Amino acid sequence: MDGSRRPDAGYRTPGRTSFERLAAAVVRALPGRLLEGVGPFRIEVAQVPPDGDEPVLASFTEGTPGRLVIYRGPLEARAPTRDELATLLREVALIELATATGEDPTSFD
């Protein structure tokens, strides 16, 4: 898959807005303790990580506000169904945000 193409396999959301809504809903449903620990942040969706990056599914940058970037292409390629995409979104967002707060991601399961 190159940066401009959709994945050949996996679940494909009907469009960017649909993916953004799903990602936002999943992140909002994360434990309040985690979200409060991170502080204010915005969610952004990019199709693929920047060139040269190791394969990543999401990244968090601290700041005011912080920035959680979720990479749509690699996530959709790994998830065969919408439910599995939502589960994967939860996992990667939880890992990124927990890591940013110094928490163990498994403590939120």
PDB file of N, CA and C in Angstrom:
ATOM      1  N   MET A   1       0.848  -1.172   0.000  1.00  0.00           N
ATOM      2  CA  MET A   1       0.000   0.000   0.000  1.00  0.00           C
ATOM      3  C   MET A   1       0.890   1.230   0.000  1.00  0.00           C
ATOM      4  N   ASP A   2       0.690   2.142  -0.940  1.00  0.00           N
ATOM      5  CA  ASP A   2       1.432   3.391  -0.900  1.00  0.00           C
ATOM      6  C   ASP A   2       0.596   4.441  -0.165  1.00  0.00           C
ATOM      7  N   GLY A   3       1.147   5.634   0.022  1.00  0.00           N
ATOM      8  CA  GLY A   3       0.498   6.656   0.825  1.00  0.00           C
ATOM      9  C   GLY A   3      -0.821   7.160   0.284  1.00  0.00           C
ATOM     10  N   SER A   4      -1.100   6.952  -0.986  1.00  0.00           N
ATOM     11  CA  SER A   4      -2.316   7.499  -1.567  1.00  0.00           C
ATOM     12  C   SER A   4      -3.417   6.460  -1.768  1.00  0.00           C
ATOM     13  N   ARG A   5      -3.131   5.195  -1.531  1.00  0.00           N
ATOM     14  CA  ARG A   5      -4.104   4.138  -1.797  1.00  0.00           C
ATOM     15  C   ARG A   5      -4.727   3.614  -0.521  1.00  0.00           C
ATOM     16  N   ARG A   6      -5.911   3.093  -0.670  1.00  0.00           N
ATOM     17  CA  ARG A   6      -6.590   2.430   0.439  1.00  0.00           C
ATOM     18  C   ARG A   6      -6.011   1.037   0.599  1.00  0.00           C
ATOM     19  N   PRO A   7      -6.143   0.418   1.764  1.00  0.00           N
ATOM     20  CA  PRO A   7      -5.628  -0.931   1.934  1.00  0.00           C
ATOM     21  C   PRO A   7      -6.336  -1.922   1.020  1.00  0.00           C
ATOM     22  N   ASP A   8      -5.589  -2.927   0.579  1.00  0.00           N
ATOM     23  CA  ASP A   8      -6.176  -3.978  -0.257  1.00  0.00           C
ATOM     24  C   ASP A   8      -7.026  -4.932   0.570  1.00  0.00           C
ATOM     25  N   ALA A   9      -6.703  -5.078   1.833  1.00  0.00           N
ATOM     26  CA  ALA A   9      -7.433  -5.973   2.727  1.00  0.00           C
ATOM     27  C   ALA A   9      -7.890  -5.171   3.932  1.00  0.00           C
ATOM     28  N   GLY A  10      -8.766  -5.752   4.703  1.00  0.00           N
ATOM     29  CA  GLY A  10      -9.216  -5.102   5.923  1.00  0.00           C
ATOM     30  C   GLY A  10     -10.535  -4.378   5.737  1.00  0.00           C
ATOM     31  N   TYR A  11     -11.064  -3.891   6.851  1.00  0.00           N
ATOM     32  CA  TYR A  11     -12.327  -3.161   6.850  1.00  0.00           C
ATOM     33  C   TYR A  11     -12.078  -1.733   6.379  1.00  0.00           C
ATOM     34  N   ARG A  12     -12.930  -1.241   5.520  1.00  0.00           N
ATOM     35  CA  ARG A  12     -12.798   0.132   5.023  1.00  0.00           C
ATOM     36  C   ARG A  12     -14.007   0.936   5.466  1.00  0.00           C
ATOM     37  N   THR A  13     -13.780   1.969   6.252  1.00  0.00           N
ATOM     38  CA  THR A  13     -14.882   2.842   6.618  1.00  0.00           C
ATOM     39  C   THR A  13     -15.373   3.552   5.365  1.00  0.00           C
ATOM     40  N   PRO A  14     -16.652   3.935   5.321  1.00  0.00           N
ATOM     41  CA  PRO A  14     -17.197   4.545   4.115  1.00  0.00           C
ATOM     42  C   PRO A  14     -16.503   5.847   3.697  1.00  0.00           C
ATOM     43  N   GLY A  15     -15.843   6.512   4.608  1.00  0.00           N
ATOM     44  CA  GLY A  15     -15.147   7.750   4.275  1.00  0.00           C
ATOM     45  C   GLY A  15     -14.396   8.274   5.477  1.00  0.00           C
ATOM     46  N   ARG A  16     -13.620   9.313   5.254  1.00  0.00           N
ATOM     47  CA  ARG A  16     -12.805   9.892   6.312  1.00  0.00           C
ATOM     48  C   ARG A  16     -13.660  10.346   7.497  1.00  0.00           C
ATOM     49  N   THR A  17     -14.799  10.990   7.212  1.00  0.00           N
ATOM     50  CA  THR A  17     -15.654  11.478   8.299  1.00  0.00           C
ATOM     51  C   THR A  17     -16.155  10.327   9.153  1.00  0.00           C
ATOM     52  N   SER A  18     -16.528   9.235   8.529  1.00  0.00           N
ATOM     53  CA  SER A  18     -16.984   8.062   9.271  1.00  0.00           C
ATOM     54  C   SER A  18     -15.875   7.524  10.175  1.00  0.00           C
ATOM     55  N   PHE A  19     -14.655   7.464   9.649  1.00  0.00           N
ATOM     56  CA  PHE A  19     -13.521   6.993  10.448  1.00  0.00           C
ATOM     57  C   PHE A  19     -13.260   7.959  11.605  1.00  0.00           C
ATOM     58  N   GLU A  20     -13.299   9.255  11.330  1.00  0.00           N
ATOM     59  CA  GLU A  20     -13.062  10.254  12.376  1.00  0.00           C
ATOM     60  C   GLU A  20     -14.094  10.144  13.498  1.00  0.00           C
ATOM     61  N   ARG A  21     -15.358   9.933  13.126  1.00  0.00           N
ATOM     62  CA  ARG A  21     -16.420   9.769  14.138  1.00  0.00           C
ATOM     63  C   ARG A  21     -16.184   8.525  14.988  1.00  0.00           C
ATOM     64  N   LEU A  22     -15.817   7.427  14.332  1.00  0.00           N
ATOM     65  CA  LEU A  22     -15.548   6.199  15.068  1.00  0.00           C
ATOM     66  C   LEU A  22     -14.372   6.403  16.024  1.00  0.00           C
ATOM     67  N   ALA A  23     -13.297   6.994  15.532  1.00  0.00           N
ATOM     68  CA  ALA A  23     -12.116   7.228  16.376  1.00  0.00           C
ATOM     69  C   ALA A  23     -12.466   8.114  17.568  1.00  0.00           C
ATOM     70  N   ALA A  24     -13.202   9.184  17.338  1.00  0.00           N
ATOM     71  CA  ALA A  24     -13.579  10.092  18.425  1.00  0.00           C
ATOM     72  C   ALA A  24     -14.446   9.383  19.456  1.00  0.00           C
ATOM     73  N   ALA A  25     -15.399   8.579  18.999  1.00  0.00           N
ATOM     74  CA  ALA A  25     -16.277   7.847  19.926  1.00  0.00           C
ATOM     75  C   ALA A  25     -15.478   6.859  20.764  1.00  0.00           C
ATOM     76  N   VAL A  26     -14.548   6.170  20.136  1.00  0.00           N
ATOM     77  CA  VAL A  26     -13.721   5.196  20.857  1.00  0.00           C
ATOM     78  C   VAL A  26     -12.868   5.906  21.906  1.00  0.00           C
ATOM     79  N   VAL A  27     -12.251   7.014  21.538  1.00  0.00           N
ATOM     80  CA  VAL A  27     -11.394   7.734  22.480  1.00  0.00           C
ATOM     81  C   VAL A  27     -12.232   8.302  23.633  1.00  0.00           C
ATOM     82  N   ARG A  28     -13.390   8.869  23.334  1.00  0.00           N
ATOM     83  CA  ARG A  28     -14.254   9.409  24.397  1.00  0.00           C
ATOM     84  C   ARG A  28     -14.683   8.339  25.391  1.00  0.00           C
ATOM     85  N   ALA A  29     -14.745   7.086  24.956  1.00  0.00           N
ATOM     86  CA  ALA A  29     -15.177   5.988  25.819  1.00  0.00           C
ATOM     87  C   ALA A  29     -14.033   5.419  26.667  1.00  0.00           C
ATOM     88  N   LEU A  30     -12.822   5.929  26.493  1.00  0.00           N
ATOM     89  CA  LEU A  30     -11.702   5.459  27.320  1.00  0.00           C
ATOM     90  C   LEU A  30     -11.940   5.872  28.768  1.00  0.00           C
ATOM     91  N   PRO A  31     -11.294   5.187  29.712  1.00  0.00           N
ATOM     92  CA  PRO A  31     -11.512   5.515  31.125  1.00  0.00           C
ATOM     93  C   PRO A  31     -11.244   6.995  31.436  1.00  0.00           C
ATOM     94  N   GLY A  32     -12.146   7.578  32.215  1.00  0.00           N
ATOM     95  CA  GLY A  32     -12.012   8.984  32.596  1.00  0.00           C
ATOM     96  C   GLY A  32     -10.697   9.295  33.274  1.00  0.00           C
ATOM     97  N   ARG A  33     -10.231   8.383  34.105  1.00  0.00           N
ATOM     98  CA  ARG A  33      -8.952   8.572  34.810  1.00  0.00           C
ATOM     99  C   ARG A  33      -7.814   8.786  33.814  1.00  0.00           C
ATOM    100  N   LEU A  34      -7.835   8.043  32.722  1.00  0.00           N
ATOM    101  CA  LEU A  34      -6.801   8.181  31.694  1.00  0.00           C
ATOM    102  C   LEU A  34      -6.940   9.519  30.981  1.00  0.00           C
ATOM    103  N   LEU A  35      -8.141   9.855  30.564  1.00  0.00           N
ATOM    104  CA  LEU A  35      -8.357  11.101  29.830  1.00  0.00           C
ATOM    105  C   LEU A  35      -8.024  12.320  30.690  1.00  0.00           C
ATOM    106  N   GLU A  36      -8.373  12.275  31.966  1.00  0.00           N
ATOM    107  CA  GLU A  36      -8.046  13.380  32.866  1.00  0.00           C
ATOM    108  C   GLU A  36      -6.540  13.504  33.055  1.00  0.00           C
ATOM    109  N   GLY A  37      -5.841  12.374  33.107  1.00  0.00           N
ATOM    110  CA  GLY A  37      -4.391  12.385  33.288  1.00  0.00           C
ATOM    111  C   GLY A  37      -3.644  12.988  32.114  1.00  0.00           C
ATOM    112  N   VAL A  38      -4.189  12.836  30.926  1.00  0.00           N
ATOM    113  CA  VAL A  38      -3.551  13.371  29.722  1.00  0.00           C
ATOM    114  C   VAL A  38      -3.777  14.876  29.619  1.00  0.00           C
ATOM    115  N   GLY A  39      -4.939  15.330  30.059  1.00  0.00           N
ATOM    116  CA  GLY A  39      -5.275  16.739  29.894  1.00  0.00           C
ATOM    117  C   GLY A  39      -5.872  16.974  28.521  1.00  0.00           C
ATOM    118  N   PRO A  40      -6.062  18.239  28.154  1.00  0.00           N
ATOM    119  CA  PRO A  40      -6.697  18.518  26.873  1.00  0.00           C
ATOM    120  C   PRO A  40      -5.843  18.045  25.693  1.00  0.00           C
ATOM    121  N   PHE A  41      -6.507  17.440  24.723  1.00  0.00           N
ATOM    122  CA  PHE A  41      -5.809  17.030  23.502  1.00  0.00           C
ATOM    123  C   PHE A  41      -6.815  16.958  22.372  1.00  0.00           C
ATOM    124  N   ARG A  42      -6.300  17.023  21.174  1.00  0.00           N
ATOM    125  CA  ARG A  42      -7.164  16.904  19.996  1.00  0.00           C
ATOM    126  C   ARG A  42      -6.815  15.616  19.269  1.00  0.00           C
ATOM    127  N   ILE A  43      -7.787  15.123  18.528  1.00  0.00           N
ATOM    128  CA  ILE A  43      -7.610  13.904  17.737  1.00  0.00           C
ATOM    129  C   ILE A  43      -7.502  14.307  16.278  1.00  0.00           C
ATOM    130  N   GLU A  44      -6.484  13.803  15.612  1.00  0.00           N
ATOM    131  CA  GLU A  44      -6.318  14.040  14.186  1.00  0.00           C
ATOM    132  C   GLU A  44      -6.204  12.692  13.486  1.00  0.00           C
ATOM    133  N   VAL A  45      -6.670  12.639  12.255  1.00  0.00           N
ATOM    134  CA  VAL A  45      -6.565  11.426  11.456  1.00  0.00           C
ATOM    135  C   VAL A  45      -5.690  11.726  10.252  1.00  0.00           C
ATOM    136  N   ALA A  46      -4.722  10.862  10.017  1.00  0.00           N
ATOM    137  CA  ALA A  46      -3.887  10.931   8.816  1.00  0.00           C
ATOM    138  C   ALA A  46      -4.008   9.582   8.117  1.00  0.00           C
ATOM    139  N   GLN A  47      -3.835   9.571   6.819  1.00  0.00           N
ATOM    140  CA  GLN A  47      -3.965   8.313   6.083  1.00  0.00           C
ATOM    141  C   GLN A  47      -2.845   7.345   6.439  1.00  0.00           C
ATOM    142  N   VAL A  48      -1.606   7.806   6.409  1.00  0.00           N
ATOM    143  CA  VAL A  48      -0.448   6.959   6.711  1.00  0.00           C
ATOM    144  C   VAL A  48       0.568   7.768   7.504  1.00  0.00           C
ATOM    145  N   PRO A  49       1.461   7.089   8.249  1.00  0.00           N
ATOM    146  CA  PRO A  49       2.505   7.809   8.970  1.00  0.00           C
ATOM    147  C   PRO A  49       3.464   8.495   7.987  1.00  0.00           C
ATOM    148  N   PRO A  50       4.179   9.502   8.458  1.00  0.00           N
ATOM    149  CA  PRO A  50       5.157  10.162   7.579  1.00  0.00           C
ATOM    150  C   PRO A  50       6.179   9.158   7.054  1.00  0.00           C
ATOM    151  N   ASP A  51       6.714   9.439   5.864  1.00  0.00           N
ATOM    152  CA  ASP A  51       7.735   8.568   5.277  1.00  0.00           C
ATOM    153  C   ASP A  51       8.896   8.380   6.240  1.00  0.00           C
ATOM    154  N   GLY A  52       9.406   7.176   6.246  1.00  0.00           N
ATOM    155  CA  GLY A  52      10.579   6.882   7.065  1.00  0.00           C
ATOM    156  C   GLY A  52      10.260   6.424   8.470  1.00  0.00           C
ATOM    157  N   ASP A  53       9.027   6.663   8.935  1.00  0.00           N
ATOM    158  CA  ASP A  53       8.672   6.193  10.271  1.00  0.00           C
ATOM    159  C   ASP A  53       8.532   4.679  10.259  1.00  0.00           C
ATOM    160  N   GLU A  54       8.869   4.091  11.377  1.00  0.00           N
ATOM    161  CA  GLU A  54       8.582   2.670  11.563  1.00  0.00           C
ATOM    162  C   GLU A  54       7.071   2.504  11.445  1.00  0.00           C
ATOM    163  N   PRO A  55       6.611   1.306  11.142  1.00  0.00           N
ATOM    164  CA  PRO A  55       5.155   1.125  11.074  1.00  0.00           C
ATOM    165  C   PRO A  55       4.505   1.506  12.406  1.00  0.00           C
ATOM    166  N   VAL A  56       3.698   2.536  12.382  1.00  0.00           N
ATOM    167  CA  VAL A  56       2.994   2.988  13.583  1.00  0.00           C
ATOM    168  C   VAL A  56       1.513   3.102  13.261  1.00  0.00           C
ATOM    169  N   LEU A  57       0.699   2.961  14.283  1.00  0.00           N
ATOM    170  CA  LEU A  57      -0.741   3.052  14.119  1.00  0.00           C
ATOM    171  C   LEU A  57      -1.294   4.356  14.673  1.00  0.00           C
ATOM    172  N   ALA A  58      -0.551   4.940  15.623  1.00  0.00           N
ATOM    173  CA  ALA A  58      -0.956   6.212  16.229  1.00  0.00           C
ATOM    174  C   ALA A  58       0.253   6.820  16.910  1.00  0.00           C
ATOM    175  N   SER A  59       0.168   8.111  17.197  1.00  0.00           N
ATOM    176  CA  SER A  59       1.231   8.776  17.955  1.00  0.00           C
ATOM    177  C   SER A  59       0.612   9.897  18.771  1.00  0.00           C
ATOM    178  N   PHE A  60       1.212  10.161  19.920  1.00  0.00           N
ATOM    179  CA  PHE A  60       0.737  11.241  20.783  1.00  0.00           C
ATOM    180  C   PHE A  60       1.872  12.217  21.002  1.00  0.00           C
ATOM    181  N   THR A  61       1.572  13.501  20.843  1.00  0.00           N
ATOM    182  CA  THR A  61       2.532  14.566  21.095  1.00  0.00           C
ATOM    183  C   THR A  61       1.971  15.439  22.205  1.00  0.00           C
ATOM    184  N   GLU A  62       2.751  15.610  23.246  1.00  0.00           N
ATOM    185  CA  GLU A  62       2.303  16.461  24.344  1.00  0.00           C
ATOM    186  C   GLU A  62       2.363  17.911  23.919  1.00  0.00           C
ATOM    187  N   GLY A  63       1.538  18.715  24.535  1.00  0.00           N
ATOM    188  CA  GLY A  63       1.487  20.141  24.242  1.00  0.00           C
ATOM    189  C   GLY A  63       0.221  20.716  24.817  1.00  0.00           C
ATOM    190  N   THR A  64      -0.062  21.947  24.451  1.00  0.00           N
ATOM    191  CA  THR A  64      -1.276  22.599  24.926  1.00  0.00           C
ATOM    192  C   THR A  64      -2.073  23.037  23.726  1.00  0.00           C
ATOM    193  N   PRO A  65      -3.012  22.300  23.254  1.00  0.00           N
ATOM    194  CA  PRO A  65      -3.373  20.954  23.728  1.00  0.00           C
ATOM    195  C   PRO A  65      -2.451  19.891  23.132  1.00  0.00           C
ATOM    196  N   GLY A  66      -2.536  18.692  23.697  1.00  0.00           N
ATOM    197  CA  GLY A  66      -1.818  17.559  23.130  1.00  0.00           C
ATOM    198  C   GLY A  66      -2.441  17.166  21.795  1.00  0.00           C
ATOM    199  N   ARG A  67      -1.785  16.237  21.128  1.00  0.00           N
ATOM    200  CA  ARG A  67      -2.246  15.847  19.785  1.00  0.00           C
ATOM    201  C   ARG A  67      -2.110  14.332  19.627  1.00  0.00           C
ATOM    202  N   LEU A  68      -3.235  13.655  19.432  1.00  0.00           N
ATOM    203  CA  LEU A  68      -3.259  12.224  19.153  1.00  0.00           C
ATOM    204  C   LEU A  68      -3.528  12.059  17.666  1.00  0.00           C
ATOM    205  N   VAL A  69      -2.530  11.539  16.937  1.00  0.00           N
ATOM    206  CA  VAL A  69      -2.693  11.301  15.504  1.00  0.00           C
ATOM    207  C   VAL A  69      -2.928   9.822  15.301  1.00  0.00           C
ATOM    208  N   ILE A  70      -4.007   9.496  14.615  1.00  0.00           N
ATOM    209  CA  ILE A  70      -4.383   8.114  14.347  1.00  0.00           C
ATOM    210  C   ILE A  70      -4.233   7.879  12.841  1.00  0.00           C
ATOM    211  N   TYR A  71      -3.501   6.826  12.473  1.00  0.00           N
ATOM    212  CA  TYR A  71      -3.208   6.540  11.068  1.00  0.00           C
ATOM    213  C   TYR A  71      -4.221   5.541  10.517  1.00  0.00           C
ATOM    214  N   ARG A  72      -5.109   6.045   9.708  1.00  0.00           N
ATOM    215  CA  ARG A  72      -6.249   5.285   9.211  1.00  0.00           C
ATOM    216  C   ARG A  72      -5.851   4.077   8.366  1.00  0.00           C
ATOM    217  N   GLY A  73      -4.985   4.259   7.392  1.00  0.00           N
ATOM    218  CA  GLY A  73      -4.639   3.187   6.461  1.00  0.00           C
ATOM    219  C   GLY A  73      -4.127   1.930   7.144  1.00  0.00           C
ATOM    220  N   PRO A  74      -3.095   2.052   7.988  1.00  0.00           N
ATOM    221  CA  PRO A  74      -2.581   0.846   8.649  1.00  0.00           C
ATOM    222  C   PRO A  74      -3.593   0.181   9.581  1.00  0.00           C
ATOM    223  N   LEU A  75      -4.449   0.985  10.222  1.00  0.00           N
ATOM    224  CA  LEU A  75      -5.461   0.402  11.100  1.00  0.00           C
ATOM    225  C   LEU A  75      -6.511  -0.366  10.303  1.00  0.00           C
ATOM    226  N   GLU A  76      -7.005   0.243   9.226  1.00  0.00           N
ATOM    227  CA  GLU A  76      -8.013  -0.446   8.417  1.00  0.00           C
ATOM    228  C   GLU A  76      -7.444  -1.713   7.787  1.00  0.00           C
ATOM    229  N   ALA A  77      -6.176  -1.693   7.431  1.00  0.00           N
ATOM    230  CA  ALA A  77      -5.555  -2.874   6.820  1.00  0.00           C
ATOM    231  C   ALA A  77      -5.477  -4.048   7.802  1.00  0.00           C
ATOM    232  N   ARG A  78      -5.439  -3.760   9.101  1.00  0.00           N
ATOM    233  CA  ARG A  78      -5.292  -4.807  10.112  1.00  0.00           C
ATOM    234  C   ARG A  78      -6.616  -5.322  10.665  1.00  0.00           C
ATOM    235  N   ALA A  79      -7.705  -4.631  10.385  1.00  0.00           N
ATOM    236  CA  ALA A  79      -8.987  -4.985  11.000  1.00  0.00           C
ATOM    237  C   ALA A  79      -9.974  -5.464   9.937  1.00  0.00           C
ATOM    238  N   PRO A  80     -10.389  -6.723   9.990  1.00  0.00           N
ATOM    239  CA  PRO A  80     -11.311  -7.242   8.980  1.00  0.00           C
ATOM    240  C   PRO A  80     -12.771  -6.797   9.144  1.00  0.00           C
ATOM    241  N   THR A  81     -13.144  -6.301  10.335  1.00  0.00           N
ATOM    242  CA  THR A  81     -14.521  -5.872  10.564  1.00  0.00           C
ATOM    243  C   THR A  81     -14.535  -4.524  11.291  1.00  0.00           C
ATOM    244  N   ARG A  82     -15.699  -3.884  11.297  1.00  0.00           N
ATOM    245  CA  ARG A  82     -15.837  -2.606  12.002  1.00  0.00           C
ATOM    246  C   ARG A  82     -15.587  -2.790  13.499  1.00  0.00           C
ATOM    247  N   ASP A  83     -16.130  -3.861  14.061  1.00  0.00           N
ATOM    248  CA  ASP A  83     -15.919  -4.110  15.497  1.00  0.00           C
ATOM    249  C   ASP A  83     -14.445  -4.292  15.820  1.00  0.00           C
ATOM    250  N   GLU A  84     -13.746  -5.014  14.973  1.00  0.00           N
ATOM    251  CA  GLU A  84     -12.315  -5.212  15.210  1.00  0.00           C
ATOM    252  C   GLU A  84     -11.543  -3.913  15.008  1.00  0.00           C
ATOM    253  N   LEU A  85     -11.993  -3.070  14.086  1.00  0.00           N
ATOM    254  CA  LEU A  85     -11.370  -1.758  13.912  1.00  0.00           C
ATOM    255  C   LEU A  85     -11.567  -0.927  15.178  1.00  0.00           C
ATOM    256  N   ALA A  86     -12.752  -0.939  15.741  1.00  0.00           N
ATOM    257  CA  ALA A  86     -13.015  -0.190  16.975  1.00  0.00           C
ATOM    258  C   ALA A  86     -12.146  -0.709  18.116  1.00  0.00           C
ATOM    259  N   THR A  87     -12.004  -2.027  18.211  1.00  0.00           N
ATOM    260  CA  THR A  87     -11.159  -2.619  19.253  1.00  0.00           C
ATOM    261  C   THR A  87      -9.702  -2.202  19.067  1.00  0.00           C
ATOM    262  N   LEU A  88      -9.230  -2.238  17.845  1.00  0.00           N
ATOM    263  CA  LEU A  88      -7.848  -1.846  17.557  1.00  0.00           C
ATOM    264  C   LEU A  88      -7.642  -0.359  17.830  1.00  0.00           C
ATOM    265  N   LEU A  89      -8.603   0.471  17.451  1.00  0.00           N
ATOM    266  CA  LEU A  89      -8.519   1.902  17.759  1.00  0.00           C
ATOM    267  C   LEU A  89      -8.410   2.122  19.258  1.00  0.00           C
ATOM    268  N   ARG A  90      -9.219   1.406  20.029  1.00  0.00           N
ATOM    269  CA  ARG A  90      -9.160   1.537  21.488  1.00  0.00           C
ATOM    270  C   ARG A  90      -7.791   1.159  22.016  1.00  0.00           C
ATOM    271  N   GLU A  91      -7.257   0.043  21.530  1.00  0.00           N
ATOM    272  CA  GLU A  91      -5.962  -0.431  22.005  1.00  0.00           C
ATOM    273  C   GLU A  91      -4.853   0.574  21.715  1.00  0.00           C
ATOM    274  N   VAL A  92      -4.788   1.075  20.493  1.00  0.00           N
ATOM    275  CA  VAL A  92      -3.682   1.976  20.157  1.00  0.00           C
ATOM    276  C   VAL A  92      -3.828   3.325  20.856  1.00  0.00           C
ATOM    277  N   ALA A  93      -5.060   3.831  20.973  1.00  0.00           N
ATOM    278  CA  ALA A  93      -5.263   5.100  21.679  1.00  0.00           C
ATOM    279  C   ALA A  93      -4.917   4.942  23.152  1.00  0.00           C
ATOM    280  N   LEU A  94      -5.359   3.847  23.751  1.00  0.00           N
ATOM    281  CA  LEU A  94      -5.061   3.596  25.158  1.00  0.00           C
ATOM    282  C   LEU A  94      -3.552   3.512  25.391  1.00  0.00           C
ATOM    283  N   ILE A  95      -2.850   2.807  24.538  1.00  0.00           N
ATOM    284  CA  ILE A  95      -1.394   2.671  24.688  1.00  0.00           C
ATOM    285  C   ILE A  95      -0.713   4.038  24.567  1.00  0.00           C
ATOM    286  N   GLU A  96      -1.076   4.808  23.554  1.00  0.00           N
ATOM    287  CA  GLU A  96      -0.450   6.119  23.355  1.00  0.00           C
ATOM    288  C   GLU A  96      -0.716   7.051  24.536  1.00  0.00           C
ATOM    289  N   LEU A  97      -1.958   7.109  24.984  1.00  0.00           N
ATOM    290  CA  LEU A  97      -2.304   8.031  26.069  1.00  0.00           C
ATOM    291  C   LEU A  97      -1.749   7.567  27.407  1.00  0.00           C
ATOM    292  N   ALA A  98      -1.794   6.275  27.672  1.00  0.00           N
ATOM    293  CA  ALA A  98      -1.232   5.762  28.926  1.00  0.00           C
ATOM    294  C   ALA A  98       0.275   6.004  28.972  1.00  0.00           C
ATOM    295  N   THR A  99       0.945   5.770  27.875  1.00  0.00           N
ATOM    296  CA  THR A  99       2.387   6.002  27.814  1.00  0.00           C
ATOM    297  C   THR A  99       2.700   7.469  28.080  1.00  0.00           C
ATOM    298  N   ALA A 100       1.883   8.365  27.538  1.00  0.00           N
ATOM    299  CA  ALA A 100       2.099   9.801  27.741  1.00  0.00           C
ATOM    300  C   ALA A 100       1.965  10.208  29.202  1.00  0.00           C
ATOM    301  N   THR A 101       1.151   9.474  29.956  1.00  0.00           N
ATOM    302  CA  THR A 101       0.957   9.802  31.368  1.00  0.00           C
ATOM    303  C   THR A 101       1.865   8.992  32.285  1.00  0.00           C
ATOM    304  N   GLY A 102       2.657   8.089  31.714  1.00  0.00           N
ATOM    305  CA  GLY A 102       3.538   7.254  32.531  1.00  0.00           C
ATOM    306  C   GLY A 102       2.822   6.088  33.183  1.00  0.00           C
ATOM    307  N   GLU A 103       1.602   5.804  32.723  1.00  0.00           N
ATOM    308  CA  GLU A 103       0.813   4.704  33.278  1.00  0.00           C
ATOM    309  C   GLU A 103       1.043   3.429  32.481  1.00  0.00           C
ATOM    310  N   ASP A 104       0.793   2.310  33.109  1.00  0.00           N
ATOM    311  CA  ASP A 104       0.839   1.011  32.438  1.00  0.00           C
ATOM    312  C   ASP A 104      -0.482   0.825  31.694  1.00  0.00           C
ATOM    313  N   PRO A 105      -0.439   0.676  30.373  1.00  0.00           N
ATOM    314  CA  PRO A 105      -1.699   0.525  29.622  1.00  0.00           C
ATOM    315  C   PRO A 105      -2.570  -0.620  30.125  1.00  0.00           C
ATOM    316  N   THR A 106      -1.958  -1.678  30.643  1.00  0.00           N
ATOM    317  CA  THR A 106      -2.755  -2.827  31.102  1.00  0.00           C
ATOM    318  C   THR A 106      -3.539  -2.495  32.377  1.00  0.00           C
ATOM    319  N   SER A 107      -3.203  -1.413  33.053  1.00  0.00           N
ATOM    320  CA  SER A 107      -3.940  -1.065  34.263  1.00  0.00           C
ATOM    321  C   SER A 107      -5.320  -0.480  33.936  1.00  0.00           C
ATOM    322  N   PHE A 108      -5.601  -0.265  32.664  1.00  0.00           N
ATOM    323  CA  PHE A 108      -6.884   0.285  32.245  1.00  0.00           C
ATOM    324  C   PHE A 108      -7.802  -0.761  31.629  1.00  0.00           C
ATOM    325  N   ASP A 109      -7.382  -2.010  31.594  1.00  0.00           N
ATOM    326  CA  ASP A 109      -8.212  -3.074  30.990  1.00  0.00           C
ATOM    327  C   ASP A 109      -9.348  -3.476  31.878  1.00  0.00           C
TER     328      ASP A 109
END
